Amino acid sequence: IEILLDRILLEVTLRNLIDNAIKYSPIEENIIIKSIINNNKYIILI
């Protein structure tokens, strides 16, 4: 699935969200990253 967007901005967004999730999650926990399509929107959940 392809979307017309700025790759660098998307990568910066994902890096900061995943980095925050790692920093603030307790030890031995899980981080779940999902992707879905709903109402003509591509949704990324962390």
All heavy atoms as atom14 arrays in JSON, in Angstrom:
{
  "sequence": "IEILLDRILLEVTLRNLIDNAIKYSPIEENIIIKSIINNNKYIILI",
  "atom14_mask": [
    [1, 1, 1, 1, 1, 1, 1, 1, 0, 0, 0, 0, 0, 0],
    [1, 1, 1, 1, 1, 1, 1, 1, 1, 0, 0, 0, 0, 0],
    [1, 1, 1, 1, 1, 1, 1, 1, 0, 0, 0, 0, 0, 0],
    [1, 1, 1, 1, 1, 1, 1, 1, 0, 0, 0, 0, 0, 0],
    [1, 1, 1, 1, 1, 1, 1, 1, 0, 0, 0, 0, 0, 0],
    [1, 1, 1, 1, 1, 1, 1, 1, 0, 0, 0, 0, 0, 0],
    [1, 1, 1, 1, 1, 1, 1, 1, 1, 1, 1, 0, 0, 0],
    [1, 1, 1, 1, 1, 1, 1, 1, 0, 0, 0, 0, 0, 0],
    [1, 1, 1, 1, 1, 1, 1, 1, 0, 0, 0, 0, 0, 0],
    [1, 1, 1, 1, 1, 1, 1, 1, 0, 0, 0, 0, 0, 0],
    [1, 1, 1, 1, 1, 1, 1, 1, 1, 0, 0, 0, 0, 0],
    [1, 1, 1, 1, 1, 1, 1, 0, 0, 0, 0, 0, 0, 0],
    [1, 1, 1, 1, 1, 1, 1, 0, 0, 0, 0, 0, 0, 0],
    [1, 1, 1, 1, 1, 1, 1, 1, 0, 0, 0, 0, 0, 0],
    [1, 1, 1, 1, 1, 1, 1, 1, 1, 1, 1, 0, 0, 0],
    [1, 1, 1, 1, 1, 1, 1, 1, 0, 0, 0, 0, 0, 0],
    [1, 1, 1, 1, 1, 1, 1, 1, 0, 0, 0, 0, 0, 0],
    [1, 1, 1, 1, 1, 1, 1, 1, 0, 0, 0, 0, 0, 0],
    [1, 1, 1, 1, 1, 1, 1, 1, 0, 0, 0, 0, 0, 0],
    [1, 1, 1, 1, 1, 1, 1, 1, 0, 0, 0, 0, 0, 0],
    [1, 1, 1, 1, 1, 0, 0, 0, 0, 0, 0, 0, 0, 0],
    [1, 1, 1, 1, 1, 1, 1, 1, 0, 0, 0, 0, 0, 0],
    [1, 1, 1, 1, 1, 1, 1, 1, 1, 0, 0, 0, 0, 0],
    [1, 1, 1, 1, 1, 1, 1, 1, 1, 1, 1, 1, 0, 0],
    [1, 1, 1, 1, 1, 1, 0, 0, 0, 0, 0, 0, 0, 0],
    [1, 1, 1, 1, 1, 1, 1, 0, 0, 0, 0, 0, 0, 0],
    [1, 1, 1, 1, 1, 1, 1, 1, 0, 0, 0, 0, 0, 0],
    [1, 1, 1, 1, 1, 1, 1, 1, 1, 0, 0, 0, 0, 0],
    [1, 1, 1, 1, 1, 1, 1, 1, 1, 0, 0, 0, 0, 0],
    [1, 1, 1, 1, 1, 1, 1, 1, 0, 0, 0, 0, 0, 0],
    [1, 1, 1, 1, 1, 1, 1, 1, 0, 0, 0, 0, 0, 0],
    [1, 1, 1, 1, 1, 1, 1, 1, 0, 0, 0, 0, 0, 0],
    [1, 1, 1, 1, 1, 1, 1, 1, 0, 0, 0, 0, 0, 0],
    [1, 1, 1, 1, 1, 1, 1, 1, 1, 0, 0, 0, 0, 0],
    [1, 1, 1, 1, 1, 1, 0, 0, 0, 0, 0, 0, 0, 0],
    [1, 1, 1, 1, 1, 1, 1, 1, 0, 0, 0, 0, 0, 0],
    [1, 1, 1, 1, 1, 1, 1, 1, 0, 0, 0, 0, 0, 0],
    [1, 1, 1, 1, 1, 1, 1, 1, 0, 0, 0, 0, 0, 0],
    [1, 1, 1, 1, 1, 1, 1, 1, 0, 0, 0, 0, 0, 0],
    [1, 1, 1, 1, 1, 1, 1, 1, 0, 0, 0, 0, 0, 0],
    [1, 1, 1, 1, 1, 1, 1, 1, 1, 0, 0, 0, 0, 0],
    [1, 1, 1, 1, 1, 1, 1, 1, 1, 1, 1, 1, 0, 0],
    [1, 1, 1, 1, 1, 1, 1, 1, 0, 0, 0, 0, 0, 0],
    [1, 1, 1, 1, 1, 1, 1, 1, 0, 0, 0, 0, 0, 0],
    [1, 1, 1, 1, 1, 1, 1, 1, 0, 0, 0, 0, 0, 0],
    [1, 1, 1, 1, 1, 1, 1, 1, 0, 0, 0, 0, 0, 0]
  ],
  "atom14_positions": [
    [[0.86, -1.2, 0.0], [0.0, 0.0, 0.0], [0.89, 1.24, 0.0], [1.78, 1.39, 0.84], [-0.93, 0.01, 1.22], [-1.91, -1.16, 1.14], [-1.68, 1.32, 1.31], [-2.81, -1.27, 2.34], [0.0, 0.0, 0.0], [0.0, 0.0, 0.0], [0.0, 0.0, 0.0], [0.0, 0.0, 0.0], [0.0, 0.0, 0.0], [0.0, 0.0, 0.0]],
    [[0.64, 2.12, -0.96], [1.46, 3.32, -1.11], [0.64, 4.58, -0.84], [-0.54, 4.65, -1.21], [2.06, 3.39, -2.53], [3.06, 2.27, -2.81], [3.69, 2.41, -4.19], [3.0, 2.99, -5.07], [4.82, 1.98, -4.39], [0.0, 0.0, 0.0], [0.0, 0.0, 0.0], [0.0, 0.0, 0.0], [0.0, 0.0, 0.0], [0.0, 0.0, 0.0]],
    [[1.29, 5.54, -0.19], [0.66, 6.84, 0.08], [1.62, 7.92, -0.38], [2.84, 7.83, -0.18], [0.36, 7.01, 1.59], [-0.54, 5.88, 2.1], [-0.33, 8.35, 1.85], [-0.84, 5.97, 3.58], [0.0, 0.0, 0.0], [0.0, 0.0, 0.0], [0.0, 0.0, 0.0], [0.0, 0.0, 0.0], [0.0, 0.0, 0.0], [0.0, 0.0, 0.0]],
    [[1.08, 8.98, -0.96], [1.88, 10.11, -1.4], [2.12, 11.03, -0.2], [1.21, 11.7, 0.28], [1.15, 10.88, -2.51], [1.93, 12.01, -3.18], [3.15, 11.47, -3.9], [1.03, 12.79, -4.13], [0.0, 0.0, 0.0], [0.0, 0.0, 0.0], [0.0, 0.0, 0.0], [0.0, 0.0, 0.0], [0.0, 0.0, 0.0], [0.0, 0.0, 0.0]],
    [[3.37, 11.03, 0.29], [3.7, 11.87, 1.45], [5.21, 12.1, 1.5], [5.97, 11.61, 0.66], [3.2, 11.23, 2.75], [3.46, 9.73, 2.99], [4.89, 9.44, 3.35], [2.55, 9.22, 4.1], [0.0, 0.0, 0.0], [0.0, 0.0, 0.0], [0.0, 0.0, 0.0], [0.0, 0.0, 0.0], [0.0, 0.0, 0.0], [0.0, 0.0, 0.0]],
    [[5.62, 12.85, 2.51], [7.05, 13.14, 2.73], [7.63, 12.04, 3.6], [7.31, 11.92, 4.79], [7.21, 14.51, 3.39], [8.66, 14.98, 3.43], [9.53, 14.16, 3.74], [8.89, 16.17, 3.14], [0.0, 0.0, 0.0], [0.0, 0.0, 0.0], [0.0, 0.0, 0.0], [0.0, 0.0, 0.0], [0.0, 0.0, 0.0], [0.0, 0.0, 0.0]],
    [[8.51, 11.21, 3.03], [9.08, 10.07, 3.75], [9.83, 10.51, 5.0], [9.71, 9.89, 6.07], [10.02, 9.3, 2.81], [10.76, 8.14, 3.5], [11.83, 7.58, 2.6], [11.23, 6.91, 1.47], [10.9, 5.61, 1.47], [11.13, 4.87, 2.55], [10.38, 5.06, 0.41], [0.0, 0.0, 0.0], [0.0, 0.0, 0.0], [0.0, 0.0, 0.0]],
    [[10.64, 11.56, 4.89], [11.47, 11.99, 6.02], [10.61, 12.41, 7.2], [10.89, 12.06, 8.36], [12.4, 13.15, 5.59], [13.29, 12.73, 4.42], [13.25, 13.61, 6.77], [14.18, 11.55, 4.72], [0.0, 0.0, 0.0], [0.0, 0.0, 0.0], [0.0, 0.0, 0.0], [0.0, 0.0, 0.0], [0.0, 0.0, 0.0], [0.0, 0.0, 0.0]],
    [[9.54, 13.14, 6.93], [8.66, 13.58, 8.02], [7.99, 12.39, 8.7], [7.84, 12.37, 9.93], [7.59, 14.54, 7.49], [8.06, 15.92, 7.03], [6.9, 16.75, 6.52], [8.77, 16.65, 8.17], [0.0, 0.0, 0.0], [0.0, 0.0, 0.0], [0.0, 0.0, 0.0], [0.0, 0.0, 0.0], [0.0, 0.0, 0.0], [0.0, 0.0, 0.0]],
    [[7.59, 11.39, 7.91], [6.99, 10.2, 8.5], [8.01, 9.45, 9.36], [7.68, 8.98, 10.46], [6.45, 9.28, 7.4], [5.8, 7.99, 7.88], [4.6, 8.28, 8.79], [5.37, 7.12, 6.71], [0.0, 0.0, 0.0], [0.0, 0.0, 0.0], [0.0, 0.0, 0.0], [0.0, 0.0, 0.0], [0.0, 0.0, 0.0], [0.0, 0.0, 0.0]],
    [[9.24, 9.33, 8.89], [10.27, 8.64, 9.66], [10.58, 9.36, 10.96], [10.74, 8.73, 12.02], [11.53, 8.49, 8.81], [11.38, 7.52, 7.65], [12.63, 7.43, 6.8], [13.56, 8.26, 7.01], [12.69, 6.55, 5.92], [0.0, 0.0, 0.0], [0.0, 0.0, 0.0], [0.0, 0.0, 0.0], [0.0, 0.0, 0.0], [0.0, 0.0, 0.0]],
    [[10.66, 10.69, 10.92], [10.9, 11.47, 12.14], [9.76, 11.25, 13.13], [9.98, 11.06, 14.35], [11.03, 12.97, 11.8], [11.0, 13.82, 13.07], [12.31, 13.23, 11.04], [0.0, 0.0, 0.0], [0.0, 0.0, 0.0], [0.0, 0.0, 0.0], [0.0, 0.0, 0.0], [0.0, 0.0, 0.0], [0.0, 0.0, 0.0], [0.0, 0.0, 0.0]],
    [[8.53, 11.22, 12.64], [7.37, 11.0, 13.5], [7.44, 9.64, 14.18], [7.27, 9.52, 15.41], [6.07, 11.11, 12.67], [6.0, 12.4, 12.07], [4.85, 10.9, 13.54], [0.0, 0.0, 0.0], [0.0, 0.0, 0.0], [0.0, 0.0, 0.0], [0.0, 0.0, 0.0], [0.0, 0.0, 0.0], [0.0, 0.0, 0.0], [0.0, 0.0, 0.0]],
    [[7.69, 8.61, 13.41], [7.72, 7.25, 13.97], [8.89, 7.09, 14.94], [8.74, 6.44, 15.99], [7.83, 6.23, 12.83], [6.59, 6.14, 11.91], [6.88, 5.24, 10.73], [5.39, 5.62, 12.7], [0.0, 0.0, 0.0], [0.0, 0.0, 0.0], [0.0, 0.0, 0.0], [0.0, 0.0, 0.0], [0.0, 0.0, 0.0], [0.0, 0.0, 0.0]],
    [[10.05, 7.65, 14.62], [11.21, 7.52, 15.52], [10.91, 8.13, 16.88], [11.24, 7.54, 17.92], [12.43, 8.2, 14.89], [13.13, 7.36, 13.83], [14.57, 7.83, 13.63], [14.62, 9.25, 13.25], [14.63, 9.67, 12.0], [14.56, 8.8, 11.01], [14.7, 10.96, 11.74], [0.0, 0.0, 0.0], [0.0, 0.0, 0.0], [0.0, 0.0, 0.0]],
    [[10.32, 9.31, 16.89], [10.05, 9.97, 18.17], [8.99, 9.21, 18.98], [9.11, 9.1, 20.2], [9.57, 11.41, 17.92], [10.73, 12.37, 17.71], [11.35, 12.86, 18.64], [11.02, 12.64, 16.44], [0.0, 0.0, 0.0], [0.0, 0.0, 0.0], [0.0, 0.0, 0.0], [0.0, 0.0, 0.0], [0.0, 0.0, 0.0], [0.0, 0.0, 0.0]],
    [[7.95, 8.69, 18.32], [6.92, 7.96, 19.05], [7.44, 6.64, 19.61], [7.16, 6.28, 20.76], [5.72, 7.71, 18.12], [4.88, 8.95, 17.74], [3.77, 8.55, 16.78], [4.28, 9.59, 18.99], [0.0, 0.0, 0.0], [0.0, 0.0, 0.0], [0.0, 0.0, 0.0], [0.0, 0.0, 0.0], [0.0, 0.0, 0.0], [0.0, 0.0, 0.0]],
    [[8.22, 5.9, 18.81], [8.77, 4.63, 19.3], [9.81, 4.87, 20.38], [9.86, 4.14, 21.39], [9.38, 3.83, 18.12], [8.27, 3.45, 17.13], [10.09, 2.59, 18.62], [8.78, 2.77, 15.86], [0.0, 0.0, 0.0], [0.0, 0.0, 0.0], [0.0, 0.0, 0.0], [0.0, 0.0, 0.0], [0.0, 0.0, 0.0], [0.0, 0.0, 0.0]],
    [[10.62, 5.92, 20.22], [11.62, 6.24, 21.24], [10.94, 6.6, 22.56], [11.38, 6.16, 23.64], [12.47, 7.41, 20.74], [13.55, 7.78, 21.74], [14.45, 6.96, 21.97], [13.49, 8.89, 22.32], [0.0, 0.0, 0.0], [0.0, 0.0, 0.0], [0.0, 0.0, 0.0], [0.0, 0.0, 0.0], [0.0, 0.0, 0.0], [0.0, 0.0, 0.0]],
    [[9.85, 7.38, 22.5], [9.11, 7.72, 23.72], [8.52, 6.46, 24.37], [8.52, 6.31, 25.6], [7.98, 8.71, 23.38], [8.43, 10.15, 23.52], [9.59, 10.41, 23.78], [7.51, 11.09, 23.34], [0.0, 0.0, 0.0], [0.0, 0.0, 0.0], [0.0, 0.0, 0.0], [0.0, 0.0, 0.0], [0.0, 0.0, 0.0], [0.0, 0.0, 0.0]],
    [[7.96, 5.57, 23.53], [7.36, 4.34, 24.06], [8.41, 3.5, 24.79], [8.13, 2.92, 25.85], [6.72, 3.55, 22.92], [0.0, 0.0, 0.0], [0.0, 0.0, 0.0], [0.0, 0.0, 0.0], [0.0, 0.0, 0.0], [0.0, 0.0, 0.0], [0.0, 0.0, 0.0], [0.0, 0.0, 0.0], [0.0, 0.0, 0.0], [0.0, 0.0, 0.0]],
    [[9.61, 3.43, 24.23], [10.68, 2.64, 24.88], [11.11, 3.29, 26.19], [11.3, 2.62, 27.22], [11.88, 2.49, 23.92], [11.49, 1.63, 22.72], [13.08, 1.87, 24.64], [12.55, 1.58, 21.64], [0.0, 0.0, 0.0], [0.0, 0.0, 0.0], [0.0, 0.0, 0.0], [0.0, 0.0, 0.0], [0.0, 0.0, 0.0], [0.0, 0.0, 0.0]],
    [[11.27, 4.61, 26.19], [11.74, 5.31, 27.38], [10.79, 5.19, 28.56], [11.2, 5.01, 29.71], [11.96, 6.8, 27.06], [13.2, 7.11, 26.27], [13.5, 8.6, 26.27], [12.31, 9.4, 25.79], [12.59, 10.85, 25.78], [0.0, 0.0, 0.0], [0.0, 0.0, 0.0], [0.0, 0.0, 0.0], [0.0, 0.0, 0.0], [0.0, 0.0, 0.0]],
    [[9.48, 5.31, 28.27], [8.51, 5.4, 29.36], [7.83, 4.07, 29.69], [7.03, 4.0, 30.62], [7.44, 6.44, 29.02], [8.0, 7.85, 29.0], [8.3, 8.49, 27.8], [8.23, 8.53, 30.19], [8.81, 9.77, 27.78], [8.74, 9.82, 30.18], [9.03, 10.43, 28.98], [9.54, 11.71, 28.97], [0.0, 0.0, 0.0], [0.0, 0.0, 0.0]],
    [[8.13, 3.01, 28.94], [7.54, 1.7, 29.26], [8.34, 1.03, 30.37], [9.58, 1.1, 30.4], [7.54, 0.8, 28.02], [6.68, 1.3, 27.03], [0.0, 0.0, 0.0], [0.0, 0.0, 0.0], [0.0, 0.0, 0.0], [0.0, 0.0, 0.0], [0.0, 0.0, 0.0], [0.0, 0.0, 0.0], [0.0, 0.0, 0.0], [0.0, 0.0, 0.0]],
    [[7.68, 0.35, 31.29], [8.41, -0.4, 32.32], [9.17, -1.57, 31.69], [8.91, -1.98, 30.55], [7.28, -0.91, 33.23], [6.11, -0.04, 32.93], [6.24, 0.33, 31.5], [0.0, 0.0, 0.0], [0.0, 0.0, 0.0], [0.0, 0.0, 0.0], [0.0, 0.0, 0.0], [0.0, 0.0, 0.0], [0.0, 0.0, 0.0], [0.0, 0.0, 0.0]],
    [[10.12, -2.11, 32.43], [10.92, -3.24, 31.95], [10.02, -4.46, 31.73], [9.05, -4.67, 32.46], [12.05, -3.56, 32.95], [13.0, -2.37, 33.05], [12.83, -4.81, 32.55], [14.06, -2.53, 34.12], [0.0, 0.0, 0.0], [0.0, 0.0, 0.0], [0.0, 0.0, 0.0], [0.0, 0.0, 0.0], [0.0, 0.0, 0.0], [0.0, 0.0, 0.0]],
    [[10.34, -5.24, 30.68], [9.66, -6.49, 30.33], [8.2, -6.26, 29.92], [7.32, -7.07, 30.19], [9.74, -7.49, 31.49], [11.16, -7.91, 31.84], [11.19, -8.91, 32.97], [10.12, -9.15, 33.57], [12.28, -9.44, 33.24], [0.0, 0.0, 0.0], [0.0, 0.0, 0.0], [0.0, 0.0, 0.0], [0.0, 0.0, 0.0], [0.0, 0.0, 0.0]],
    [[7.94, -5.14, 29.29], [6.61, -4.87, 28.74], [6.67, -4.93, 27.21], [7.75, -5.05, 26.62], [6.1, -3.5, 29.18], [5.71, -3.42, 30.64], [4.43, -4.18, 30.95], [3.72, -4.56, 30.0], [4.15, -4.4, 32.15], [0.0, 0.0, 0.0], [0.0, 0.0, 0.0], [0.0, 0.0, 0.0], [0.0, 0.0, 0.0], [0.0, 0.0, 0.0]],
    [[5.5, -4.85, 26.58], [5.43, -4.93, 25.12], [5.01, -3.58, 24.53], [4.23, -2.84, 25.13], [4.4, -5.98, 24.69], [4.84, -7.39, 25.07], [6.03, -7.69, 25.09], [3.88, -8.24, 25.4], [0.0, 0.0, 0.0], [0.0, 0.0, 0.0], [0.0, 0.0, 0.0], [0.0, 0.0, 0.0], [0.0, 0.0, 0.0], [0.0, 0.0, 0.0]],
    [[5.56, -3.31, 23.37], [5.13, -2.17, 22.57], [4.5, -2.74, 21.29], [5.15, -3.51, 20.57], [6.31, -1.23, 22.22], [6.89, -0.63, 23.49], [5.85, -0.13, 21.26], [8.14, 0.2, 23.25], [0.0, 0.0, 0.0], [0.0, 0.0, 0.0], [0.0, 0.0, 0.0], [0.0, 0.0, 0.0], [0.0, 0.0, 0.0], [0.0, 0.0, 0.0]],
    [[3.25, -2.38, 21.05], [2.52, -2.93, 19.9], [2.32, -1.82, 18.87], [1.79, -0.74, 19.19], [1.15, -3.51, 20.33], [1.36, -4.6, 21.39], [0.41, -4.07, 19.12], [0.06, -5.11, 21.99], [0.0, 0.0, 0.0], [0.0, 0.0, 0.0], [0.0, 0.0, 0.0], [0.0, 0.0, 0.0], [0.0, 0.0, 0.0], [0.0, 0.0, 0.0]],
    [[2.73, -2.1, 17.65], [2.56, -1.14, 16.55], [1.59, -1.76, 15.54], [1.84, -2.84, 15.01], [3.91, -0.81, 15.87], [4.9, -0.26, 16.9], [3.7, 0.21, 14.75], [6.29, -0.01, 16.35], [0.0, 0.0, 0.0], [0.0, 0.0, 0.0], [0.0, 0.0, 0.0], [0.0, 0.0, 0.0], [0.0, 0.0, 0.0], [0.0, 0.0, 0.0]],
    [[0.49, -1.07, 15.29], [-0.54, -1.57, 14.37], [-0.72, -0.59, 13.21], [-0.41, 0.6, 13.32], [-1.89, -1.71, 15.09], [-1.89, -2.65, 16.27], [-3.28, -2.66, 16.91], [-3.32, -3.56, 18.15], [-4.67, -3.52, 18.78], [0.0, 0.0, 0.0], [0.0, 0.0, 0.0], [0.0, 0.0, 0.0], [0.0, 0.0, 0.0], [0.0, 0.0, 0.0]],
    [[-1.26, -1.15, 12.13], [-1.67, -0.29, 11.0], [-3.0, -0.8, 10.48], [-3.18, -2.0, 10.27], [-0.61, -0.27, 9.9], [-0.48, -1.54, 9.31], [0.0, 0.0, 0.0], [0.0, 0.0, 0.0], [0.0, 0.0, 0.0], [0.0, 0.0, 0.0], [0.0, 0.0, 0.0], [0.0, 0.0, 0.0], [0.0, 0.0, 0.0], [0.0, 0.0, 0.0]],
    [[-3.94, 0.14, 10.31], [-5.27, -0.22, 9.79], [-5.71, 0.86, 8.8], [-5.14, 1.94, 8.74], [-6.31, -0.36, 10.92], [-6.43, 0.95, 11.71], [-5.98, -1.52, 11.84], [-7.54, 0.95, 12.74], [0.0, 0.0, 0.0], [0.0, 0.0, 0.0], [0.0, 0.0, 0.0], [0.0, 0.0, 0.0], [0.0, 0.0, 0.0], [0.0, 0.0, 0.0]],
    [[-6.75, 0.54, 8.03], [-7.36, 1.5, 7.13], [-8.83, 1.65, 7.52], [-9.56, 0.67, 7.63], [-7.24, 1.06, 5.66], [-5.78, 1.09, 5.21], [-8.08, 1.98, 4.75], [-5.56, 0.63, 3.79], [0.0, 0.0, 0.0], [0.0, 0.0, 0.0], [0.0, 0.0, 0.0], [0.0, 0.0, 0.0], [0.0, 0.0, 0.0], [0.0, 0.0, 0.0]],
    [[-9.24, 2.89, 7.74], [-10.62, 3.15, 8.15], [-11.04, 4.53, 7.64], [-10.31, 5.52, 7.82], [-10.73, 3.1, 9.68], [-12.18, 3.19, 10.14], [-13.1, 2.93, 9.37], [-12.37, 3.55, 11.4], [0.0, 0.0, 0.0], [0.0, 0.0, 0.0], [0.0, 0.0, 0.0], [0.0, 0.0, 0.0], [0.0, 0.0, 0.0], [0.0, 0.0, 0.0]],
    [[-12.22, 4.59, 7.01], [-12.76, 5.86, 6.49], [-11.77, 6.59, 5.59], [-11.53, 7.8, 5.73], [-13.19, 6.77, 7.64], [-14.37, 6.22, 8.39], [-15.21, 5.51, 7.83], [-14.46, 6.54, 9.68], [0.0, 0.0, 0.0], [0.0, 0.0, 0.0], [0.0, 0.0, 0.0], [0.0, 0.0, 0.0], [0.0, 0.0, 0.0], [0.0, 0.0, 0.0]],
    [[-11.16, 5.82, 4.7], [-10.2, 6.39, 3.73], [-9.0, 7.04, 4.43], [-8.39, 7.97, 3.91], [-10.9, 7.43, 2.85], [-10.23, 7.56, 1.49], [-9.61, 6.6, 1.0], [-10.32, 8.72, 0.88], [0.0, 0.0, 0.0], [0.0, 0.0, 0.0], [0.0, 0.0, 0.0], [0.0, 0.0, 0.0], [0.0, 0.0, 0.0], [0.0, 0.0, 0.0]],
    [[-8.69, 6.51, 5.63], [-7.53, 6.98, 6.39], [-6.6, 5.79, 6.68], [-7.07, 4.7, 7.03], [-7.95, 7.64, 7.71], [-8.89, 8.81, 7.59], [-8.16, 10.06, 7.15], [-9.11, 11.26, 7.18], [-8.46, 12.49, 6.7], [0.0, 0.0, 0.0], [0.0, 0.0, 0.0], [0.0, 0.0, 0.0], [0.0, 0.0, 0.0], [0.0, 0.0, 0.0]],
    [[-5.31, 6.05, 6.55], [-4.32, 5.06, 6.95], [-3.92, 5.4, 8.39], [-3.38, 6.48, 8.66], [-3.1, 5.11, 6.03], [-2.12, 3.98, 6.26], [-2.13, 2.86, 5.45], [-1.19, 4.04, 7.29], [-1.23, 1.82, 5.66], [-0.31, 3.02, 7.52], [-0.32, 1.91, 6.7], [0.57, 0.88, 6.9], [0.0, 0.0, 0.0], [0.0, 0.0, 0.0]],
    [[-4.2, 4.49, 9.33], [-4.01, 4.78, 10.76], [-2.87, 3.93, 11.32], [-2.86, 2.71, 11.14], [-5.31, 4.51, 11.55], [-6.46, 5.31, 10.96], [-5.12, 4.85, 13.03], [-7.81, 5.0, 11.57], [0.0, 0.0, 0.0], [0.0, 0.0, 0.0], [0.0, 0.0, 0.0], [0.0, 0.0, 0.0], [0.0, 0.0, 0.0], [0.0, 0.0, 0.0]],
    [[-1.94, 4.6, 11.99], [-0.83, 3.92, 12.66], [-1.05, 4.07, 14.17], [-1.15, 5.2, 14.67], [0.52, 4.52, 12.25], [0.7, 4.46, 10.74], [1.66, 3.79, 12.95], [1.91, 5.23, 10.23], [0.0, 0.0, 0.0], [0.0, 0.0, 0.0], [0.0, 0.0, 0.0], [0.0, 0.0, 0.0], [0.0, 0.0, 0.0], [0.0, 0.0, 0.0]],
    [[-1.1, 2.94, 14.88], [-1.32, 2.94, 16.33], [-0.09, 2.39, 17.03], [0.44, 1.35, 16.64], [-2.54, 2.09, 16.69], [-3.89, 2.51, 16.08], [-4.92, 1.42, 16.26], [-4.36, 3.79, 16.74], [0.0, 0.0, 0.0], [0.0, 0.0, 0.0], [0.0, 0.0, 0.0], [0.0, 0.0, 0.0], [0.0, 0.0, 0.0], [0.0, 0.0, 0.0]],
    [[0.36, 3.09, 18.07], [1.49, 2.63, 18.89], [0.99, 2.56, 20.33], [0.64, 3.58, 20.93], [2.69, 3.59, 18.77], [3.16, 3.65, 17.31], [3.82, 3.13, 19.69], [4.3, 4.62, 17.07], [0.0, 0.0, 0.0], [0.0, 0.0, 0.0], [0.0, 0.0, 0.0], [0.0, 0.0, 0.0], [0.0, 0.0, 0.0], [0.0, 0.0, 0.0]]
  ]
}
